[in-house]
């Protein structure tokens, strides 16, 4: 078993533990209990699916349709894997082209200065939250870059799967932890991302 297999197993097992224990996010104060009932699952229409894709983007591109709340990982032959997503609140979205400049498993999270201004209770996390089940970036994150610089926007997991299909984040694109694990494994550094 190589180190990639071990890392994948750890990620899957950690994700299962994450789902079993219930987690928190930036929308809740860390440590508050979260319901783990079936009502917490995303709407069926946002489940991951293999679909026909009509766009002109090259295989390997990620296309994010913020109005429809779907992310497409484009494949050869007019196909894509479609994931349901949660998007940024009105006026808090990145549009246009970016690239995946960094990847992280169980990433740490630090609220930006703008987030703290809008939500002062986040000041308590200004020094950051280490990666793990209580981190709002979930199991994995793909970092969006432009011109070699971090845009501060991410494709990441969420500990609030019921928010998939909604405009709730501070601008990042959120997927269920199961879906971000799948996308993370499919997505190499340098992948082009088009946000429409």
N, C-alpha and C. Protein backbone atom coordinates (compact mmCIF):
# COMPACT_ATOMS: atom_id res chain seq x y z
N UNK A 1 0.86 -1.17 0.00
CA UNK A 1 0.00 0.00 0.00
C UNK A 1 0.91 1.23 0.00
N UNK A 2 0.73 2.15 -0.98
CA UNK A 2 1.56 3.33 -1.04
C UNK A 2 0.98 4.46 -0.19
N UNK A 3 1.71 5.57 -0.09
CA UNK A 3 1.28 6.69 0.77
C UNK A 3 -0.03 7.32 0.29
N UNK A 4 -0.29 7.31 -1.04
CA UNK A 4 -1.56 7.85 -1.54
C UNK A 4 -2.74 7.00 -1.07
N UNK A 5 -2.56 5.65 -1.08
CA UNK A 5 -3.62 4.76 -0.60
C UNK A 5 -3.89 5.00 0.88
N UNK A 6 -2.83 5.16 1.66
CA UNK A 6 -2.98 5.40 3.09
C UNK A 6 -3.69 6.73 3.33
N UNK A 7 -3.31 7.77 2.57
CA UNK A 7 -3.95 9.08 2.72
C UNK A 7 -5.43 9.01 2.35
N UNK A 8 -5.75 8.29 1.27
CA UNK A 8 -7.15 8.15 0.85
C UNK A 8 -7.96 7.42 1.92
N UNK A 9 -7.39 6.34 2.46
CA UNK A 9 -8.10 5.60 3.51
C UNK A 9 -8.34 6.48 4.72
N UNK A 10 -7.33 7.23 5.12
CA UNK A 10 -7.49 8.13 6.26
C UNK A 10 -8.55 9.18 6.01
N UNK A 11 -8.58 9.70 4.79
CA UNK A 11 -9.58 10.70 4.43
C UNK A 11 -10.98 10.11 4.47
N UNK A 12 -11.14 8.91 3.93
CA UNK A 12 -12.47 8.28 3.93
C UNK A 12 -12.89 7.94 5.36
N UNK A 13 -11.99 7.35 6.14
CA UNK A 13 -12.35 7.00 7.52
C UNK A 13 -12.63 8.24 8.34
N UNK A 14 -11.84 9.29 8.14
CA UNK A 14 -12.08 10.54 8.85
C UNK A 14 -13.41 11.14 8.47
N UNK A 15 -13.77 11.02 7.21
CA UNK A 15 -15.06 11.56 6.75
C UNK A 15 -16.22 10.80 7.37
N UNK A 16 -16.07 9.48 7.48
CA UNK A 16 -17.12 8.70 8.13
C UNK A 16 -17.26 9.10 9.59
N UNK A 17 -16.15 9.31 10.26
CA UNK A 17 -16.21 9.76 11.65
C UNK A 17 -16.85 11.14 11.73
N UNK A 18 -16.52 11.99 10.77
CA UNK A 18 -17.09 13.32 10.71
C UNK A 18 -18.60 13.26 10.59
N UNK A 19 -19.11 12.40 9.72
CA UNK A 19 -20.56 12.29 9.53
C UNK A 19 -21.22 11.71 10.77
N UNK A 20 -20.55 10.80 11.44
CA UNK A 20 -21.16 10.14 12.60
C UNK A 20 -21.21 11.06 13.82
N UNK A 21 -20.25 11.96 13.95
CA UNK A 21 -20.17 12.77 15.15
C UNK A 21 -20.93 14.07 15.05
N UNK A 22 -21.24 14.54 13.86
CA UNK A 22 -21.85 15.85 13.71
C UNK A 22 -20.76 16.90 13.84
N UNK A 23 -20.83 17.96 13.06
CA UNK A 23 -19.76 18.95 13.06
C UNK A 23 -20.33 20.35 13.08
N UNK A 24 -19.43 21.31 13.13
CA UNK A 24 -19.82 22.70 13.18
C UNK A 24 -19.28 23.42 11.98
N UNK A 25 -19.69 24.68 11.81
CA UNK A 25 -19.14 25.49 10.74
C UNK A 25 -19.06 26.92 11.19
N UNK A 26 -18.58 27.77 10.29
CA UNK A 26 -18.47 29.18 10.60
C UNK A 26 -19.82 29.80 10.86
N UNK A 27 -20.89 29.19 10.35
CA UNK A 27 -22.22 29.74 10.56
C UNK A 27 -22.71 29.48 11.99
N UNK A 28 -22.12 28.52 12.66
CA UNK A 28 -22.46 28.19 14.04
C UNK A 28 -21.22 28.46 14.89
N UNK A 29 -21.41 28.61 16.15
CA UNK A 29 -20.26 28.71 17.05
C UNK A 29 -19.67 27.32 17.20
N UNK A 30 -18.35 27.22 17.23
CA UNK A 30 -17.72 25.93 17.38
C UNK A 30 -18.17 25.30 18.68
N UNK A 31 -18.44 24.00 18.62
CA UNK A 31 -18.85 23.28 19.80
C UNK A 31 -20.35 23.12 19.95
N UNK A 32 -21.16 23.87 19.20
CA UNK A 32 -22.62 23.73 19.30
C UNK A 32 -23.03 22.42 18.64
N UNK A 33 -23.99 21.71 19.24
CA UNK A 33 -24.43 20.45 18.62
C UNK A 33 -25.19 20.72 17.34
N UNK A 34 -25.09 19.77 16.42
CA UNK A 34 -25.80 19.85 15.15
C UNK A 34 -26.61 18.58 15.00
N UNK A 35 -27.84 18.70 14.55
CA UNK A 35 -28.69 17.55 14.32
C UNK A 35 -28.09 16.67 13.24
N UNK A 36 -28.14 15.36 13.43
CA UNK A 36 -27.65 14.44 12.42
C UNK A 36 -28.81 13.64 11.84
N UNK A 37 -30.00 14.22 11.81
CA UNK A 37 -31.16 13.52 11.27
C UNK A 37 -31.10 13.52 9.75
N UNK A 38 -31.94 12.68 9.13
CA UNK A 38 -31.98 12.61 7.68
C UNK A 38 -32.39 13.94 7.06
N UNK A 39 -33.10 14.79 7.80
CA UNK A 39 -33.50 16.09 7.27
C UNK A 39 -32.29 16.96 6.96
N UNK A 40 -31.13 16.61 7.50
CA UNK A 40 -29.92 17.41 7.29
C UNK A 40 -29.28 17.13 5.93
N UNK A 41 -29.70 16.08 5.24
CA UNK A 41 -29.09 15.73 3.95
C UNK A 41 -29.53 16.71 2.87
N UNK A 42 -28.67 16.92 1.85
CA UNK A 42 -29.06 17.81 0.76
C UNK A 42 -30.23 17.24 -0.06
N UNK A 43 -30.92 18.12 -0.73
CA UNK A 43 -32.01 17.74 -1.63
C UNK A 43 -31.48 16.74 -2.67
N UNK A 44 -32.31 15.77 -3.04
CA UNK A 44 -31.90 14.71 -3.99
C UNK A 44 -31.36 15.26 -5.31
N UNK A 45 -31.89 16.38 -5.77
CA UNK A 45 -31.44 16.90 -7.07
C UNK A 45 -29.98 17.35 -7.05
N UNK A 46 -29.40 17.52 -5.86
CA UNK A 46 -28.01 17.96 -5.75
C UNK A 46 -27.04 16.81 -5.50
N UNK A 47 -27.51 15.59 -5.63
CA UNK A 47 -26.61 14.45 -5.49
C UNK A 47 -25.71 14.33 -6.70
N UNK A 48 -24.53 13.81 -6.48
CA UNK A 48 -23.54 13.64 -7.56
C UNK A 48 -24.08 12.70 -8.62
N UNK A 49 -23.90 13.12 -9.90
CA UNK A 49 -24.40 12.32 -11.03
C UNK A 49 -23.44 12.44 -12.22
N UNK A 50 -23.44 11.41 -13.04
CA UNK A 50 -22.72 11.41 -14.31
C UNK A 50 -23.74 11.88 -15.35
N UNK A 51 -23.48 13.02 -16.02
CA UNK A 51 -24.48 13.62 -16.90
C UNK A 51 -23.86 13.99 -18.25
N UNK A 52 -24.73 14.18 -19.25
CA UNK A 52 -24.29 14.74 -20.53
C UNK A 52 -23.98 16.21 -20.31
N UNK A 53 -22.96 16.70 -21.02
CA UNK A 53 -22.58 18.11 -20.88
C UNK A 53 -22.46 18.72 -22.27
N UNK A 54 -23.11 19.86 -22.49
CA UNK A 54 -23.19 20.48 -23.81
C UNK A 54 -22.20 21.61 -24.05
N UNK A 55 -21.40 21.99 -23.08
CA UNK A 55 -20.49 23.12 -23.24
C UNK A 55 -19.29 22.81 -24.12
N UNK A 56 -18.47 23.84 -24.36
CA UNK A 56 -17.29 23.71 -25.22
C UNK A 56 -15.99 23.56 -24.45
N UNK A 57 -16.06 23.47 -23.12
CA UNK A 57 -14.85 23.41 -22.31
C UNK A 57 -14.12 22.08 -22.51
N UNK A 58 -12.82 22.14 -22.37
CA UNK A 58 -11.98 20.95 -22.53
C UNK A 58 -12.15 19.99 -21.36
N UNK A 59 -11.95 18.71 -21.64
CA UNK A 59 -11.96 17.71 -20.58
C UNK A 59 -10.92 18.10 -19.54
N UNK A 60 -11.26 17.93 -18.28
CA UNK A 60 -10.36 18.30 -17.19
C UNK A 60 -10.70 19.65 -16.58
N UNK A 61 -11.53 20.44 -17.25
CA UNK A 61 -11.94 21.75 -16.74
C UNK A 61 -13.05 21.56 -15.70
N UNK A 62 -13.09 22.44 -14.73
CA UNK A 62 -14.20 22.50 -13.78
C UNK A 62 -15.03 23.73 -14.13
N UNK A 63 -16.33 23.54 -14.30
CA UNK A 63 -17.25 24.64 -14.57
C UNK A 63 -18.22 24.74 -13.40
N UNK A 64 -18.35 25.93 -12.85
CA UNK A 64 -19.24 26.15 -11.71
C UNK A 64 -20.36 27.09 -12.15
N UNK A 65 -21.58 26.57 -12.13
CA UNK A 65 -22.76 27.36 -12.49
C UNK A 65 -23.41 27.80 -11.18
N UNK A 66 -23.10 29.03 -10.75
CA UNK A 66 -23.58 29.50 -9.45
C UNK A 66 -25.09 29.71 -9.42
N UNK A 67 -25.70 30.04 -10.55
CA UNK A 67 -27.15 30.27 -10.54
C UNK A 67 -27.93 28.96 -10.43
N UNK A 68 -27.40 27.89 -11.04
CA UNK A 68 -28.07 26.58 -10.97
C UNK A 68 -27.61 25.74 -9.78
N UNK A 69 -26.50 26.17 -9.15
CA UNK A 69 -25.94 25.48 -7.97
C UNK A 69 -25.36 24.11 -8.31
N UNK A 70 -24.63 24.08 -9.45
CA UNK A 70 -23.94 22.85 -9.84
C UNK A 70 -22.50 23.13 -10.22
N UNK A 71 -21.64 22.16 -9.93
CA UNK A 71 -20.25 22.15 -10.37
C UNK A 71 -20.11 20.96 -11.31
N UNK A 72 -19.47 21.20 -12.47
CA UNK A 72 -19.26 20.15 -13.46
C UNK A 72 -17.77 19.87 -13.61
N UNK A 73 -17.37 18.63 -13.43
CA UNK A 73 -16.01 18.18 -13.73
C UNK A 73 -16.10 17.57 -15.13
N UNK A 74 -15.60 18.32 -16.12
CA UNK A 74 -15.78 17.94 -17.53
C UNK A 74 -14.92 16.75 -17.90
N UNK A 75 -15.54 15.80 -18.61
CA UNK A 75 -14.86 14.60 -19.09
C UNK A 75 -14.87 14.59 -20.62
N UNK A 76 -14.18 13.64 -21.20
CA UNK A 76 -14.18 13.48 -22.66
C UNK A 76 -15.55 13.03 -23.15
N UNK A 77 -15.85 13.31 -24.43
CA UNK A 77 -17.01 12.76 -25.09
C UNK A 77 -18.34 13.38 -24.71
N UNK A 78 -18.34 14.61 -24.20
CA UNK A 78 -19.60 15.26 -23.87
C UNK A 78 -20.22 14.83 -22.56
N UNK A 79 -19.40 14.36 -21.63
CA UNK A 79 -19.88 13.93 -20.32
C UNK A 79 -19.24 14.76 -19.22
N UNK A 80 -19.87 14.76 -18.05
CA UNK A 80 -19.32 15.43 -16.87
C UNK A 80 -19.85 14.76 -15.63
N UNK A 81 -19.11 14.92 -14.55
CA UNK A 81 -19.63 14.56 -13.24
C UNK A 81 -20.18 15.85 -12.66
N UNK A 82 -21.46 15.82 -12.27
CA UNK A 82 -22.14 17.01 -11.75
C UNK A 82 -22.31 16.86 -10.24
N UNK A 83 -21.89 17.91 -9.53
CA UNK A 83 -22.00 17.95 -8.08
C UNK A 83 -22.92 19.10 -7.68
N UNK A 84 -23.76 18.89 -6.68
CA UNK A 84 -24.53 19.99 -6.10
C UNK A 84 -23.62 20.82 -5.21
N UNK A 85 -23.85 22.13 -5.21
CA UNK A 85 -22.99 23.03 -4.44
C UNK A 85 -23.81 24.07 -3.67
N UNK A 86 -23.21 24.62 -2.64
CA UNK A 86 -23.68 25.83 -2.00
C UNK A 86 -22.77 26.96 -2.48
N UNK A 87 -23.32 28.13 -2.66
CA UNK A 87 -22.55 29.24 -3.23
C UNK A 87 -22.54 30.44 -2.29
N UNK A 88 -21.80 31.48 -2.70
CA UNK A 88 -21.71 32.69 -1.90
C UNK A 88 -23.00 33.47 -1.86
N UNK A 89 -23.19 34.17 -0.75
CA UNK A 89 -24.34 35.06 -0.64
C UNK A 89 -24.26 36.12 -1.74
N UNK A 90 -25.37 36.75 -2.04
CA UNK A 90 -25.43 37.78 -3.09
C UNK A 90 -24.28 38.77 -2.95
N UNK A 91 -23.55 38.98 -4.05
CA UNK A 91 -22.45 39.94 -4.05
C UNK A 91 -21.15 39.39 -3.49
N UNK A 92 -21.13 38.14 -3.07
CA UNK A 92 -19.93 37.55 -2.49
C UNK A 92 -19.49 36.32 -3.28
N UNK A 93 -19.35 36.49 -4.58
CA UNK A 93 -18.95 35.36 -5.41
C UNK A 93 -17.80 35.77 -6.32
N UNK A 94 -16.99 34.81 -6.64
CA UNK A 94 -15.93 34.99 -7.62
C UNK A 94 -16.51 34.60 -8.97
N UNK A 95 -16.24 35.38 -9.99
CA UNK A 95 -16.69 35.04 -11.35
C UNK A 95 -15.47 35.02 -12.27
N UNK A 96 -15.57 34.25 -13.33
CA UNK A 96 -14.51 34.20 -14.32
C UNK A 96 -13.63 32.98 -14.14
N UNK A 97 -12.40 33.08 -14.64
CA UNK A 97 -11.49 31.95 -14.68
C UNK A 97 -10.47 32.00 -13.56
N UNK A 98 -10.12 30.84 -13.04
CA UNK A 98 -9.08 30.69 -12.02
C UNK A 98 -8.44 29.33 -12.24
N UNK A 99 -7.43 29.01 -11.44
CA UNK A 99 -6.81 27.69 -11.50
C UNK A 99 -6.68 27.14 -10.08
N UNK A 100 -6.60 25.83 -9.99
CA UNK A 100 -6.36 25.21 -8.70
C UNK A 100 -4.87 25.37 -8.40
N UNK A 101 -4.56 26.22 -7.43
CA UNK A 101 -3.17 26.52 -7.10
C UNK A 101 -2.66 25.79 -5.88
N UNK A 102 -3.57 25.19 -5.12
CA UNK A 102 -3.19 24.47 -3.91
C UNK A 102 -4.30 23.51 -3.54
N UNK A 103 -3.94 22.40 -2.91
CA UNK A 103 -4.90 21.41 -2.42
C UNK A 103 -4.54 21.08 -0.98
N UNK A 104 -5.56 20.81 -0.16
CA UNK A 104 -5.28 20.44 1.23
C UNK A 104 -6.35 19.47 1.73
N UNK A 105 -5.91 18.48 2.49
CA UNK A 105 -6.78 17.54 3.19
C UNK A 105 -6.91 18.05 4.62
N UNK A 106 -8.14 18.07 5.16
CA UNK A 106 -8.44 18.62 6.48
C UNK A 106 -7.72 19.96 6.66
N UNK A 107 -8.05 20.93 5.81
CA UNK A 107 -7.34 22.22 5.83
C UNK A 107 -7.67 23.03 7.09
N UNK A 108 -6.73 23.89 7.45
CA UNK A 108 -7.01 24.85 8.51
C UNK A 108 -7.84 25.98 7.92
N UNK A 109 -8.49 26.76 8.78
CA UNK A 109 -9.34 27.87 8.33
C UNK A 109 -9.11 29.08 9.20
N UNK A 110 -8.98 30.22 8.56
CA UNK A 110 -8.89 31.50 9.25
C UNK A 110 -9.87 32.45 8.58
N UNK A 111 -10.80 33.05 9.34
CA UNK A 111 -11.72 34.00 8.71
C UNK A 111 -10.96 35.22 8.19
N UNK A 112 -11.38 35.72 7.05
CA UNK A 112 -10.75 36.93 6.50
C UNK A 112 -11.19 38.15 7.30
N UNK A 113 -10.50 39.26 7.12
CA UNK A 113 -10.86 40.51 7.80
C UNK A 113 -12.28 40.93 7.43
N UNK A 114 -12.66 40.76 6.16
CA UNK A 114 -14.03 41.10 5.74
C UNK A 114 -15.07 40.25 6.44
N UNK A 115 -14.79 38.96 6.59
CA UNK A 115 -15.72 38.08 7.29
C UNK A 115 -15.90 38.53 8.74
N UNK A 116 -14.81 38.89 9.39
CA UNK A 116 -14.88 39.32 10.78
C UNK A 116 -15.66 40.63 10.90
N UNK A 117 -15.49 41.54 9.93
CA UNK A 117 -16.27 42.80 9.95
C UNK A 117 -17.76 42.52 9.83
N UNK A 118 -18.13 41.60 8.94
CA UNK A 118 -19.55 41.28 8.75
C UNK A 118 -20.13 40.46 9.89
N UNK A 119 -19.31 39.60 10.46
CA UNK A 119 -19.77 38.70 11.53
C UNK A 119 -18.77 38.78 12.69
N UNK A 120 -18.92 39.79 13.55
CA UNK A 120 -17.93 40.03 14.61
C UNK A 120 -17.65 38.83 15.52
N UNK A 121 -18.60 37.91 15.69
CA UNK A 121 -18.34 36.75 16.55
C UNK A 121 -17.20 35.88 16.01
N UNK A 122 -16.84 36.04 14.72
CA UNK A 122 -15.74 35.26 14.15
C UNK A 122 -14.37 35.74 14.63
N UNK A 123 -14.32 36.89 15.30
CA UNK A 123 -13.05 37.41 15.83
C UNK A 123 -12.35 36.37 16.70
N UNK A 124 -13.13 35.57 17.42
CA UNK A 124 -12.54 34.56 18.30
C UNK A 124 -11.72 33.51 17.53
N UNK A 125 -11.92 33.43 16.21
CA UNK A 125 -11.19 32.47 15.38
C UNK A 125 -10.12 33.14 14.51
N UNK A 126 -9.81 34.40 14.81
CA UNK A 126 -8.88 35.17 13.98
C UNK A 126 -7.49 34.52 13.90
N UNK A 127 -7.11 33.75 14.89
CA UNK A 127 -5.81 33.08 14.83
C UNK A 127 -5.89 31.74 14.11
N UNK A 128 -7.10 31.37 13.67
CA UNK A 128 -7.28 30.18 12.85
C UNK A 128 -7.86 29.00 13.61
N UNK A 129 -8.39 28.07 12.85
CA UNK A 129 -8.94 26.82 13.36
C UNK A 129 -8.20 25.70 12.64
N UNK A 130 -7.62 24.79 13.39
CA UNK A 130 -6.88 23.71 12.77
C UNK A 130 -7.83 22.78 12.01
N UNK A 131 -7.29 22.04 11.07
CA UNK A 131 -8.08 21.11 10.29
C UNK A 131 -8.64 20.00 11.15
N UNK A 132 -9.78 19.46 10.75
CA UNK A 132 -10.41 18.38 11.49
C UNK A 132 -11.92 18.50 11.45
N UNK A 133 -12.60 17.65 12.18
CA UNK A 133 -14.06 17.59 12.10
C UNK A 133 -14.79 18.87 12.48
N UNK A 134 -14.16 19.75 13.24
CA UNK A 134 -14.83 20.98 13.66
C UNK A 134 -14.45 22.19 12.80
N UNK A 135 -13.81 21.94 11.69
CA UNK A 135 -13.36 23.02 10.82
C UNK A 135 -14.38 23.25 9.71
N UNK A 136 -14.78 24.51 9.46
CA UNK A 136 -15.81 24.77 8.45
C UNK A 136 -15.40 24.48 7.01
N UNK A 137 -14.11 24.22 6.73
CA UNK A 137 -13.73 23.87 5.35
C UNK A 137 -13.90 22.38 5.07
N UNK A 138 -14.30 21.62 6.06
CA UNK A 138 -14.59 20.22 5.83
C UNK A 138 -13.36 19.37 5.56
N UNK A 139 -13.59 18.27 4.84
CA UNK A 139 -12.58 17.23 4.66
C UNK A 139 -11.44 17.61 3.72
N UNK A 140 -11.70 18.48 2.75
CA UNK A 140 -10.67 18.86 1.77
C UNK A 140 -10.98 20.23 1.21
N UNK A 141 -9.97 20.85 0.61
CA UNK A 141 -10.17 22.14 -0.05
C UNK A 141 -9.28 22.24 -1.28
N UNK A 142 -9.82 22.87 -2.31
CA UNK A 142 -9.09 23.22 -3.52
C UNK A 142 -9.06 24.74 -3.56
N UNK A 143 -7.88 25.33 -3.63
CA UNK A 143 -7.69 26.77 -3.51
C UNK A 143 -7.62 27.41 -4.89
N UNK A 144 -8.44 28.44 -5.12
CA UNK A 144 -8.49 29.10 -6.43
C UNK A 144 -7.47 30.23 -6.49
N UNK A 145 -6.67 30.20 -7.55
CA UNK A 145 -5.61 31.20 -7.77
C UNK A 145 -5.85 31.92 -9.10
N UNK A 146 -5.39 33.16 -9.16
CA UNK A 146 -5.34 33.94 -10.41
C UNK A 146 -3.98 34.62 -10.47
N UNK A 147 -3.33 34.49 -11.62
CA UNK A 147 -2.02 35.13 -11.78
C UNK A 147 -1.02 34.72 -10.72
N UNK A 148 -1.12 33.48 -10.24
CA UNK A 148 -0.20 32.99 -9.23
C UNK A 148 -0.52 33.43 -7.81
N UNK A 149 -1.63 34.15 -7.61
CA UNK A 149 -2.00 34.66 -6.29
C UNK A 149 -3.30 34.03 -5.80
N UNK A 150 -3.34 33.74 -4.51
CA UNK A 150 -4.52 33.17 -3.87
C UNK A 150 -5.66 34.18 -3.92
N UNK A 151 -6.81 33.76 -4.44
CA UNK A 151 -7.98 34.66 -4.50
C UNK A 151 -8.74 34.70 -3.18
N UNK A 152 -8.40 33.80 -2.25
CA UNK A 152 -9.11 33.62 -0.97
C UNK A 152 -10.45 32.91 -1.16
N UNK A 153 -10.72 32.40 -2.36
CA UNK A 153 -11.91 31.61 -2.63
C UNK A 153 -11.50 30.14 -2.71
N UNK A 154 -12.36 29.27 -2.22
CA UNK A 154 -12.07 27.85 -2.15
C UNK A 154 -13.24 27.02 -2.66
N UNK A 155 -12.93 25.82 -3.13
CA UNK A 155 -13.90 24.75 -3.30
C UNK A 155 -13.63 23.86 -2.10
N UNK A 156 -14.61 23.66 -1.23
CA UNK A 156 -14.32 22.93 0.00
C UNK A 156 -15.53 22.13 0.48
N UNK A 157 -15.28 21.26 1.42
CA UNK A 157 -16.34 20.48 2.04
C UNK A 157 -17.13 21.35 3.00
N UNK A 158 -18.21 20.79 3.49
CA UNK A 158 -19.01 21.50 4.49
C UNK A 158 -19.52 20.53 5.53
N UNK A 159 -19.62 21.02 6.75
CA UNK A 159 -20.19 20.26 7.85
C UNK A 159 -21.68 20.56 7.99
N UNK A 160 -22.22 21.29 7.03
CA UNK A 160 -23.65 21.61 6.98
C UNK A 160 -24.21 21.19 5.62
N UNK A 161 -24.35 19.88 5.37
CA UNK A 161 -24.75 19.41 4.04
C UNK A 161 -26.12 19.91 3.61
N UNK A 162 -26.97 20.28 4.53
CA UNK A 162 -28.30 20.79 4.18
C UNK A 162 -28.24 22.16 3.50
N UNK A 163 -27.06 22.81 3.48
CA UNK A 163 -26.93 24.11 2.81
C UNK A 163 -26.61 23.98 1.33
N UNK A 164 -26.37 22.75 0.85
CA UNK A 164 -26.11 22.55 -0.57
C UNK A 164 -27.36 22.96 -1.35
N UNK A 165 -27.15 23.76 -2.41
CA UNK A 165 -28.26 24.29 -3.19
C UNK A 165 -28.65 25.70 -2.78
N UNK A 166 -27.99 26.24 -1.76
CA UNK A 166 -28.34 27.57 -1.26
C UNK A 166 -27.18 28.55 -1.44
N UNK A 167 -27.51 29.85 -1.33
CA UNK A 167 -26.50 30.92 -1.34
C UNK A 167 -26.28 31.33 0.11
N UNK A 168 -25.27 30.74 0.72
CA UNK A 168 -25.09 30.93 2.16
C UNK A 168 -23.67 31.26 2.59
N UNK A 169 -22.68 31.04 1.74
CA UNK A 169 -21.30 31.17 2.18
C UNK A 169 -20.79 32.60 2.01
N UNK A 170 -19.56 32.79 2.47
CA UNK A 170 -18.92 34.10 2.31
C UNK A 170 -18.26 34.22 0.95
N UNK A 171 -18.61 33.36 0.03
CA UNK A 171 -18.10 33.44 -1.33
C UNK A 171 -17.53 32.15 -1.86
N UNK A 172 -17.11 31.27 -0.97
CA UNK A 172 -16.55 30.00 -1.40
C UNK A 172 -17.65 29.07 -1.93
N UNK A 173 -17.22 28.05 -2.64
CA UNK A 173 -18.12 27.03 -3.17
C UNK A 173 -18.00 25.82 -2.25
N UNK A 174 -19.13 25.40 -1.68
CA UNK A 174 -19.11 24.26 -0.77
C UNK A 174 -19.79 23.05 -1.39
N UNK A 175 -19.23 21.89 -1.10
CA UNK A 175 -19.77 20.60 -1.52
C UNK A 175 -19.91 19.74 -0.26
N UNK A 176 -20.68 18.67 -0.34
CA UNK A 176 -20.69 17.75 0.79
C UNK A 176 -19.27 17.22 0.97
N UNK A 177 -18.95 16.76 2.16
CA UNK A 177 -17.62 16.20 2.38
C UNK A 177 -17.36 15.01 1.47
N UNK A 178 -18.36 14.18 1.26
CA UNK A 178 -18.21 13.04 0.35
C UNK A 178 -17.86 13.51 -1.06
N UNK A 179 -18.53 14.57 -1.53
CA UNK A 179 -18.28 15.06 -2.89
C UNK A 179 -16.93 15.77 -3.02
N UNK A 180 -16.52 16.52 -2.00
CA UNK A 180 -15.22 17.19 -2.12
C UNK A 180 -14.09 16.16 -2.10
N UNK A 181 -14.27 15.07 -1.38
CA UNK A 181 -13.26 14.00 -1.39
C UNK A 181 -13.15 13.43 -2.81
N UNK A 182 -14.29 13.18 -3.44
CA UNK A 182 -14.30 12.65 -4.80
C UNK A 182 -13.66 13.64 -5.77
N UNK A 183 -14.07 14.91 -5.70
CA UNK A 183 -13.51 15.93 -6.61
C UNK A 183 -12.02 16.13 -6.36
N UNK A 184 -11.60 16.15 -5.11
CA UNK A 184 -10.19 16.32 -4.75
C UNK A 184 -9.33 15.26 -5.44
N UNK A 185 -9.80 14.01 -5.41
CA UNK A 185 -9.03 12.92 -6.01
C UNK A 185 -8.96 13.03 -7.53
N UNK A 186 -9.94 13.65 -8.15
CA UNK A 186 -10.00 13.77 -9.61
C UNK A 186 -9.25 15.01 -10.14
N UNK A 187 -8.91 15.94 -9.26
CA UNK A 187 -8.49 17.27 -9.70
C UNK A 187 -7.00 17.52 -9.42
N UNK A 188 -6.18 17.60 -10.47
CA UNK A 188 -4.77 17.92 -10.26
C UNK A 188 -4.54 19.43 -10.10
N UNK A 189 -3.41 19.79 -9.51
CA UNK A 189 -3.01 21.19 -9.46
C UNK A 189 -2.94 21.73 -10.87
N UNK A 190 -3.29 22.99 -11.05
CA UNK A 190 -3.26 23.62 -12.36
C UNK A 190 -4.56 23.49 -13.13
N UNK A 191 -5.53 22.75 -12.60
CA UNK A 191 -6.82 22.60 -13.28
C UNK A 191 -7.48 23.96 -13.47
N UNK A 192 -8.03 24.19 -14.66
CA UNK A 192 -8.76 25.42 -14.95
C UNK A 192 -10.16 25.33 -14.36
N UNK A 193 -10.58 26.42 -13.70
CA UNK A 193 -11.91 26.52 -13.11
C UNK A 193 -12.59 27.73 -13.72
N UNK A 194 -13.79 27.54 -14.25
CA UNK A 194 -14.58 28.62 -14.82
C UNK A 194 -15.83 28.79 -13.97
N UNK A 195 -15.98 29.97 -13.37
CA UNK A 195 -17.13 30.26 -12.53
C UNK A 195 -18.06 31.20 -13.29
N UNK A 196 -19.29 30.72 -13.56
CA UNK A 196 -20.26 31.53 -14.31
C UNK A 196 -21.47 31.85 -13.45
